[in-house]
Amino acid sequence: AMGDQGNADVLLVHAPADEVKLVQKGTVINRQ
């Protein structure tokens, strides 16, 4: 949610299905 609101610069997380949703929205890039 912090990433989705622009309140963080980088994320390190462990919920792949929800991460992919943010990738599809264009909210996050360079997911590794």
PDB file of all heavy atoms in Angstrom:
ATOM      1  N   ALA A   1       0.831  -1.207   0.000  1.00  0.00           N
ATOM      2  CA  ALA A   1       0.000   0.000   0.000  1.00  0.00           C
ATOM      3  C   ALA A   1       0.867   1.258   0.000  1.00  0.00           C
ATOM      4  O   ALA A   1       0.549   2.238  -0.667  1.00  0.00           O
ATOM      5  CB  ALA A   1      -0.933  -0.001   1.209  1.00  0.00           C
ATOM      6  N   MET A   2       1.978   1.230   0.729  1.00  0.00           N
ATOM      7  CA  MET A   2       2.895   2.372   0.721  1.00  0.00           C
ATOM      8  C   MET A   2       3.416   2.624  -0.692  1.00  0.00           C
ATOM      9  O   MET A   2       3.487   3.764  -1.149  1.00  0.00           O
ATOM     10  CB  MET A   2       4.066   2.118   1.676  1.00  0.00           C
ATOM     11  CG  MET A   2       3.731   2.223   3.145  1.00  0.00           C
ATOM     12  SD  MET A   2       5.182   1.941   4.204  1.00  0.00           S
ATOM     13  CE  MET A   2       6.194   3.376   3.798  1.00  0.00           C
ATOM     14  N   GLY A   3       3.762   1.543  -1.383  1.00  0.00           N
ATOM     15  CA  GLY A   3       4.210   1.684  -2.755  1.00  0.00           C
ATOM     16  C   GLY A   3       3.113   2.190  -3.664  1.00  0.00           C
ATOM     17  O   GLY A   3       3.339   3.055  -4.515  1.00  0.00           O
ATOM     18  N   ASP A   4       1.914   1.681  -3.459  1.00  0.00           N
ATOM     19  CA  ASP A   4       0.780   2.051  -4.306  1.00  0.00           C
ATOM     20  C   ASP A   4       0.374   3.514  -4.113  1.00  0.00           C
ATOM     21  O   ASP A   4      -0.259   4.107  -4.984  1.00  0.00           O
ATOM     22  CB  ASP A   4      -0.407   1.127  -3.996  1.00  0.00           C
ATOM     23  CG  ASP A   4      -1.412   1.060  -5.132  1.00  0.00           C
ATOM     24  OD1 ASP A   4      -1.021   1.327  -6.292  1.00  0.00           O
ATOM     25  OD2 ASP A   4      -2.582   0.738  -4.872  1.00  0.00           O
ATOM     26  N   GLN A   5       0.747   4.076  -2.975  1.00  0.00           N
ATOM     27  CA  GLN A   5       0.428   5.477  -2.688  1.00  0.00           C
ATOM     28  C   GLN A   5       1.620   6.412  -2.926  1.00  0.00           C
ATOM     29  O   GLN A   5       1.528   7.618  -2.685  1.00  0.00           O
ATOM     30  CB  GLN A   5      -0.028   5.600  -1.230  1.00  0.00           C
ATOM     31  CG  GLN A   5      -1.319   4.849  -0.935  1.00  0.00           C
ATOM     32  CD  GLN A   5      -1.518   4.564   0.541  1.00  0.00           C
ATOM     33  OE1 GLN A   5      -0.751   5.031   1.387  1.00  0.00           O
ATOM     34  NE2 GLN A   5      -2.546   3.789   0.874  1.00  0.00           N
ATOM     35  N   GLY A   6       2.729   5.844  -3.385  1.00  0.00           N
ATOM     36  CA  GLY A   6       3.916   6.666  -3.620  1.00  0.00           C
ATOM     37  C   GLY A   6       4.629   7.092  -2.359  1.00  0.00           C
ATOM     38  O   GLY A   6       5.380   8.065  -2.366  1.00  0.00           O
ATOM     39  N   ASN A   7       4.426   6.346  -1.267  1.00  0.00           N
ATOM     40  CA  ASN A   7       5.040   6.699   0.015  1.00  0.00           C
ATOM     41  C   ASN A   7       6.301   5.899   0.309  1.00  0.00           C
ATOM     42  O   ASN A   7       6.766   5.862   1.452  1.00  0.00           O
ATOM     43  CB  ASN A   7       4.029   6.513   1.151  1.00  0.00           C
ATOM     44  CG  ASN A   7       2.895   7.509   1.069  1.00  0.00           C
ATOM     45  OD1 ASN A   7       3.103   8.665   0.684  1.00  0.00           O
ATOM     46  ND2 ASN A   7       1.694   7.092   1.408  1.00  0.00           N
ATOM     47  N   ALA A   8       6.835   5.229  -0.688  1.00  0.00           N
ATOM     48  CA  ALA A   8       8.091   4.493  -0.563  1.00  0.00           C
ATOM     49  C   ALA A   8       8.814   4.575  -1.894  1.00  0.00           C
ATOM     50  O   ALA A   8       8.216   4.877  -2.934  1.00  0.00           O
ATOM     51  CB  ALA A   8       7.833   3.048  -0.160  1.00  0.00           C
ATOM     52  N   ASP A   9      10.101   4.292  -1.861  1.00  0.00           N
ATOM     53  CA  ASP A   9      10.909   4.298  -3.078  1.00  0.00           C
ATOM     54  C   ASP A   9      11.138   2.892  -3.619  1.00  0.00           C
ATOM     55  O   ASP A   9      11.214   2.683  -4.827  1.00  0.00           O
ATOM     56  CB  ASP A   9      12.272   4.942  -2.805  1.00  0.00           C
ATOM     57  CG  ASP A   9      12.155   6.364  -2.293  1.00  0.00           C
ATOM     58  OD1 ASP A   9      11.418   7.153  -2.921  1.00  0.00           O
ATOM     59  OD2 ASP A   9      12.774   6.689  -1.259  1.00  0.00           O
ATOM     60  N   VAL A  10      11.251   1.938  -2.703  1.00  0.00           N
ATOM     61  CA  VAL A  10      11.565   0.563  -3.100  1.00  0.00           C
ATOM     62  C   VAL A  10      10.880  -0.394  -2.127  1.00  0.00           C
ATOM     63  O   VAL A  10      10.699  -0.070  -0.946  1.00  0.00           O
ATOM     64  CB  VAL A  10      13.105   0.361  -3.132  1.00  0.00           C
ATOM     65  CG1 VAL A  10      13.721   0.518  -1.757  1.00  0.00           C
ATOM     66  CG2 VAL A  10      13.485  -0.974  -3.757  1.00  0.00           C
ATOM     67  N   LEU A  11      10.480  -1.565  -2.614  1.00  0.00           N
ATOM     68  CA  LEU A  11       9.752  -2.549  -1.814  1.00  0.00           C
ATOM     69  C   LEU A  11      10.526  -3.862  -1.776  1.00  0.00           C
ATOM     70  O   LEU A  11      11.086  -4.293  -2.788  1.00  0.00           O
ATOM     71  CB  LEU A  11       8.359  -2.818  -2.389  1.00  0.00           C
ATOM     72  CG  LEU A  11       7.480  -1.625  -2.762  1.00  0.00           C
ATOM     73  CD1 LEU A  11       6.151  -2.114  -3.329  1.00  0.00           C
ATOM     74  CD2 LEU A  11       7.253  -0.721  -1.567  1.00  0.00           C
ATOM     75  N   LEU A  12      10.518  -4.519  -0.616  1.00  0.00           N
ATOM     76  CA  LEU A  12      11.045  -5.878  -0.457  1.00  0.00           C
ATOM     77  C   LEU A  12       9.974  -6.666   0.278  1.00  0.00           C
ATOM     78  O   LEU A  12       9.798  -6.515   1.488  1.00  0.00           O
ATOM     79  CB  LEU A  12      12.361  -5.861   0.330  1.00  0.00           C
ATOM     80  CG  LEU A  12      12.977  -7.228   0.640  1.00  0.00           C
ATOM     81  CD1 LEU A  12      13.329  -7.974  -0.649  1.00  0.00           C
ATOM     82  CD2 LEU A  12      14.214  -7.074   1.524  1.00  0.00           C
ATOM     83  N   VAL A  13       9.229  -7.498  -0.449  1.00  0.00           N
ATOM     84  CA  VAL A  13       8.002  -8.098   0.085  1.00  0.00           C
ATOM     85  C   VAL A  13       7.863  -9.551  -0.353  1.00  0.00           C
ATOM     86  O   VAL A  13       8.640 -10.055  -1.163  1.00  0.00           O
ATOM     87  CB  VAL A  13       6.773  -7.280  -0.356  1.00  0.00           C
ATOM     88  CG1 VAL A  13       6.700  -5.953   0.373  1.00  0.00           C
ATOM     89  CG2 VAL A  13       6.810  -7.014  -1.859  1.00  0.00           C
ATOM     90  N   HIS A  14       6.816 -10.224   0.184  1.00  0.00           N
ATOM     91  CA  HIS A  14       6.644 -11.652  -0.103  1.00  0.00           C
ATOM     92  C   HIS A  14       5.169 -12.023  -0.275  1.00  0.00           C
ATOM     93  O   HIS A  14       4.641 -12.878   0.435  1.00  0.00           O
ATOM     94  CB  HIS A  14       7.319 -12.510   0.985  1.00  0.00           C
ATOM     95  CG  HIS A  14       6.739 -12.340   2.367  1.00  0.00           C
ATOM     96  ND1 HIS A  14       6.538 -13.394   3.224  1.00  0.00           N
ATOM     97  CD2 HIS A  14       6.337 -11.246   3.044  1.00  0.00           C
ATOM     98  CE1 HIS A  14       6.034 -12.967   4.367  1.00  0.00           C
ATOM     99  NE2 HIS A  14       5.911 -11.652   4.280  1.00  0.00           N
ATOM    100  N   ALA A  15       4.528 -11.393  -1.232  1.00  0.00           N
ATOM    101  CA  ALA A  15       3.144 -11.729  -1.590  1.00  0.00           C
ATOM    102  C   ALA A  15       3.035 -11.663  -3.117  1.00  0.00           C
ATOM    103  O   ALA A  15       2.503 -10.697  -3.660  1.00  0.00           O
ATOM    104  CB  ALA A  15       2.160 -10.781  -0.919  1.00  0.00           C
ATOM    105  N   PRO A  16       3.580 -12.664  -3.813  1.00  0.00           N
ATOM    106  CA  PRO A  16       3.718 -12.591  -5.274  1.00  0.00           C
ATOM    107  C   PRO A  16       2.454 -12.204  -6.038  1.00  0.00           C
ATOM    108  O   PRO A  16       2.521 -11.379  -6.957  1.00  0.00           O
ATOM    109  CB  PRO A  16       4.189 -14.005  -5.651  1.00  0.00           C
ATOM    110  CG  PRO A  16       4.951 -14.464  -4.444  1.00  0.00           C
ATOM    111  CD  PRO A  16       4.200 -13.893  -3.272  1.00  0.00           C
ATOM    112  N   ALA A  17       1.311 -12.762  -5.682  1.00  0.00           N
ATOM    113  CA  ALA A  17       0.085 -12.464  -6.435  1.00  0.00           C
ATOM    114  C   ALA A  17      -0.276 -10.986  -6.347  1.00  0.00           C
ATOM    115  O   ALA A  17      -0.686 -10.371  -7.338  1.00  0.00           O
ATOM    116  CB  ALA A  17      -1.065 -13.326  -5.916  1.00  0.00           C
ATOM    117  N   ASP A  18      -0.120 -10.404  -5.159  1.00  0.00           N
ATOM    118  CA  ASP A  18      -0.446  -8.991  -4.984  1.00  0.00           C
ATOM    119  C   ASP A  18       0.623  -8.087  -5.595  1.00  0.00           C
ATOM    120  O   ASP A  18       0.324  -6.982  -6.054  1.00  0.00           O
ATOM    121  CB  ASP A  18      -0.620  -8.674  -3.497  1.00  0.00           C
ATOM    122  CG  ASP A  18      -1.847  -9.353  -2.921  1.00  0.00           C
ATOM    123  OD1 ASP A  18      -2.960  -9.047  -3.362  1.00  0.00           O
ATOM    124  OD2 ASP A  18      -1.691 -10.221  -2.038  1.00  0.00           O
ATOM    125  N   GLU A  19       1.871  -8.563  -5.598  1.00  0.00           N
ATOM    126  CA  GLU A  19       2.933  -7.802  -6.243  1.00  0.00           C
ATOM    127  C   GLU A  19       2.657  -7.660  -7.742  1.00  0.00           C
ATOM    128  O   GLU A  19       2.836  -6.584  -8.321  1.00  0.00           O
ATOM    129  CB  GLU A  19       4.276  -8.501  -6.037  1.00  0.00           C
ATOM    130  CG  GLU A  19       4.725  -8.600  -4.589  1.00  0.00           C
ATOM    131  CD  GLU A  19       5.800  -9.654  -4.405  1.00  0.00           C
ATOM    132  OE1 GLU A  19       6.501  -9.980  -5.393  1.00  0.00           O
ATOM    133  OE2 GLU A  19       5.961 -10.172  -3.286  1.00  0.00           O
ATOM    134  N   VAL A  20       2.235  -8.770  -8.359  1.00  0.00           N
ATOM    135  CA  VAL A  20       1.965  -8.767  -9.802  1.00  0.00           C
ATOM    136  C   VAL A  20       0.875  -7.757 -10.143  1.00  0.00           C
ATOM    137  O   VAL A  20       0.926  -7.102 -11.191  1.00  0.00           O
ATOM    138  CB  VAL A  20       1.582 -10.184 -10.275  1.00  0.00           C
ATOM    139  CG1 VAL A  20       1.039 -10.155 -11.707  1.00  0.00           C
ATOM    140  CG2 VAL A  20       2.792 -11.106 -10.199  1.00  0.00           C
ATOM    141  N   LYS A  21      -0.094  -7.586  -9.252  1.00  0.00           N
ATOM    142  CA  LYS A  21      -1.159  -6.601  -9.491  1.00  0.00           C
ATOM    143  C   LYS A  21      -0.574  -5.191  -9.597  1.00  0.00           C
ATOM    144  O   LYS A  21      -1.008  -4.395 -10.434  1.00  0.00           O
ATOM    145  CB  LYS A  21      -2.201  -6.665  -8.369  1.00  0.00           C
ATOM    146  CG  LYS A  21      -3.014  -7.947  -8.357  1.00  0.00           C
ATOM    147  CD  LYS A  21      -3.974  -7.972  -7.166  1.00  0.00           C
ATOM    148  CE  LYS A  21      -4.737  -9.293  -7.090  1.00  0.00           C
ATOM    149  NZ  LYS A  21      -5.616  -9.350  -5.887  1.00  0.00           N
ATOM    150  N   LEU A  22       0.394  -4.882  -8.751  1.00  0.00           N
ATOM    151  CA  LEU A  22       1.020  -3.563  -8.813  1.00  0.00           C
ATOM    152  C   LEU A  22       1.862  -3.408 -10.077  1.00  0.00           C
ATOM    153  O   LEU A  22       1.941  -2.315 -10.646  1.00  0.00           O
ATOM    154  CB  LEU A  22       1.890  -3.316  -7.579  1.00  0.00           C
ATOM    155  CG  LEU A  22       1.181  -3.128  -6.237  1.00  0.00           C
ATOM    156  CD1 LEU A  22       2.162  -2.576  -5.193  1.00  0.00           C
ATOM    157  CD2 LEU A  22      -0.011  -2.198  -6.349  1.00  0.00           C
ATOM    158  N   VAL A  23       2.481  -4.501 -10.506  1.00  0.00           N
ATOM    159  CA  VAL A  23       3.237  -4.456 -11.763  1.00  0.00           C
ATOM    160  C   VAL A  23       2.287  -4.157 -12.922  1.00  0.00           C
ATOM    161  O   VAL A  23       2.572  -3.324 -13.788  1.00  0.00           O
ATOM    162  CB  VAL A  23       3.966  -5.790 -12.012  1.00  0.00           C
ATOM    163  CG1 VAL A  23       4.593  -5.798 -13.405  1.00  0.00           C
ATOM    164  CG2 VAL A  23       5.048  -6.021 -10.948  1.00  0.00           C
ATOM    165  N   GLN A  24       1.147  -4.835 -12.921  1.00  0.00           N
ATOM    166  CA  GLN A  24       0.171  -4.654 -14.000  1.00  0.00           C
ATOM    167  C   GLN A  24      -0.407  -3.243 -14.002  1.00  0.00           C
ATOM    168  O   GLN A  24      -0.731  -2.698 -15.063  1.00  0.00           O
ATOM    169  CB  GLN A  24      -0.943  -5.694 -13.867  1.00  0.00           C
ATOM    170  CG  GLN A  24      -0.477  -7.113 -14.140  1.00  0.00           C
ATOM    171  CD  GLN A  24      -1.507  -8.173 -13.793  1.00  0.00           C
ATOM    172  OE1 GLN A  24      -2.444  -7.916 -13.028  1.00  0.00           O
ATOM    173  NE2 GLN A  24      -1.344  -9.374 -14.328  1.00  0.00           N
ATOM    174  N   LYS A  25      -0.524  -2.641 -12.837  1.00  0.00           N
ATOM    175  CA  LYS A  25      -1.004  -1.254 -12.741  1.00  0.00           C
ATOM    176  C   LYS A  25       0.056  -0.247 -13.150  1.00  0.00           C
ATOM    177  O   LYS A  25      -0.251   0.924 -13.372  1.00  0.00           O
ATOM    178  CB  LYS A  25      -1.437  -0.947 -11.299  1.00  0.00           C
ATOM    179  CG  LYS A  25      -2.735  -1.578 -10.863  1.00  0.00           C
ATOM    180  CD  LYS A  25      -3.017  -1.301  -9.390  1.00  0.00           C
ATOM    181  CE  LYS A  25      -3.163   0.183  -9.097  1.00  0.00           C
ATOM    182  NZ  LYS A  25      -3.502   0.443  -7.686  1.00  0.00           N
ATOM    183  N   GLY A  26       1.296  -0.702 -13.228  1.00  0.00           N
ATOM    184  CA  GLY A  26       2.386   0.213 -13.528  1.00  0.00           C
ATOM    185  C   GLY A  26       2.891   0.956 -12.314  1.00  0.00           C
ATOM    186  O   GLY A  26       3.678   1.896 -12.437  1.00  0.00           O
ATOM    187  N   THR A  27       2.460   0.529 -11.112  1.00  0.00           N
ATOM    188  CA  THR A  27       2.885   1.200  -9.886  1.00  0.00           C
ATOM    189  C   THR A  27       4.324   0.865  -9.538  1.00  0.00           C
ATOM    190  O   THR A  27       5.047   1.693  -8.986  1.00  0.00           O
ATOM    191  CB  THR A  27       1.963   0.813  -8.713  1.00  0.00           C
ATOM    192  OG1 THR A  27       0.623   1.178  -9.038  1.00  0.00           O
ATOM    193  CG2 THR A  27       2.369   1.504  -7.428  1.00  0.00           C
ATOM    194  N   VAL A  28       4.739  -0.371  -9.846  1.00  0.00           N
ATOM    195  CA  VAL A  28       6.118  -0.772  -9.575  1.00  0.00           C
ATOM    196  C   VAL A  28       6.767  -1.274 -10.857  1.00  0.00           C
ATOM    197  O   VAL A  28       6.087  -1.758 -11.768  1.00  0.00           O
ATOM    198  CB  VAL A  28       6.205  -1.856  -8.471  1.00  0.00           C
ATOM    199  CG1 VAL A  28       5.676  -1.330  -7.151  1.00  0.00           C
ATOM    200  CG2 VAL A  28       5.469  -3.119  -8.879  1.00  0.00           C
ATOM    201  N   ILE A  29       8.073  -1.156 -10.911  1.00  0.00           N
ATOM    202  CA  ILE A  29       8.851  -1.606 -12.064  1.00  0.00           C
ATOM    203  C   ILE A  29      10.088  -2.354 -11.568  1.00  0.00           C
ATOM    204  O   ILE A  29      10.395  -2.340 -10.375  1.00  0.00           O
ATOM    205  CB  ILE A  29       9.286  -0.412 -12.947  1.00  0.00           C
ATOM    206  CG1 ILE A  29      10.062   0.622 -12.109  1.00  0.00           C
ATOM    207  CG2 ILE A  29       8.083   0.241 -13.611  1.00  0.00           C
ATOM    208  CD1 ILE A  29      10.625   1.789 -12.906  1.00  0.00           C
ATOM    209  N   ASN A  30      10.760  -3.011 -12.478  1.00  0.00           N
ATOM    210  CA  ASN A  30      12.028  -3.684 -12.174  1.00  0.00           C
ATOM    211  C   ASN A  30      11.868  -4.674 -11.018  1.00  0.00           C
ATOM    212  O   ASN A  30      12.693  -4.709 -10.092  1.00  0.00           O
ATOM    213  CB  ASN A  30      13.111  -2.645 -11.844  1.00  0.00           C
ATOM    214  CG  ASN A  30      14.516  -3.228 -11.872  1.00  0.00           C
ATOM    215  OD1 ASN A  30      14.749  -4.287 -12.450  1.00  0.00           O
ATOM    216  ND2 ASN A  30      15.454  -2.536 -11.239  1.00  0.00           N
ATOM    217  N   ARG A  31      10.813  -5.481 -11.067  1.00  0.00           N
ATOM    218  CA  ARG A  31      10.569  -6.490 -10.016  1.00  0.00           C
ATOM    219  C   ARG A  31      11.512  -7.674 -10.229  1.00  0.00           C
ATOM    220  O   ARG A  31      11.546  -8.262 -11.297  1.00  0.00           O
ATOM    221  CB  ARG A  31       9.109  -6.945 -10.075  1.00  0.00           C
ATOM    222  CG  ARG A  31       8.726  -8.037  -9.075  1.00  0.00           C
ATOM    223  CD  ARG A  31       7.231  -8.273  -9.142  1.00  0.00           C
ATOM    224  NE  ARG A  31       6.776  -9.379  -8.317  1.00  0.00           N
ATOM    225  CZ  ARG A  31       6.556 -10.616  -8.771  1.00  0.00           C
ATOM    226  NH1 ARG A  31       6.731 -10.890 -10.065  1.00  0.00           N
ATOM    227  NH2 ARG A  31       6.143 -11.570  -7.956  1.00  0.00           N
ATOM    228  N   GLN A  32      12.271  -7.994  -9.175  1.00  0.00           N
ATOM    229  CA  GLN A  32      13.295  -9.037  -9.283  1.00  0.00           C
ATOM    230  C   GLN A  32      13.150 -10.058  -8.157  1.00  0.00           C
ATOM    231  O   GLN A  32      12.910  -9.701  -7.000  1.00  0.00           O
ATOM    232  CB  GLN A  32      14.686  -8.406  -9.202  1.00  0.00           C
ATOM    233  CG  GLN A  32      14.987  -7.367 -10.273  1.00  0.00           C
ATOM    234  CD  GLN A  32      15.267  -7.981 -11.627  1.00  0.00           C
ATOM    235  OE1 GLN A  32      15.593  -9.162 -11.731  1.00  0.00           O
ATOM    236  NE2 GLN A  32      15.136  -7.187 -12.683  1.00  0.00           N
TER     237      GLN A  32
END
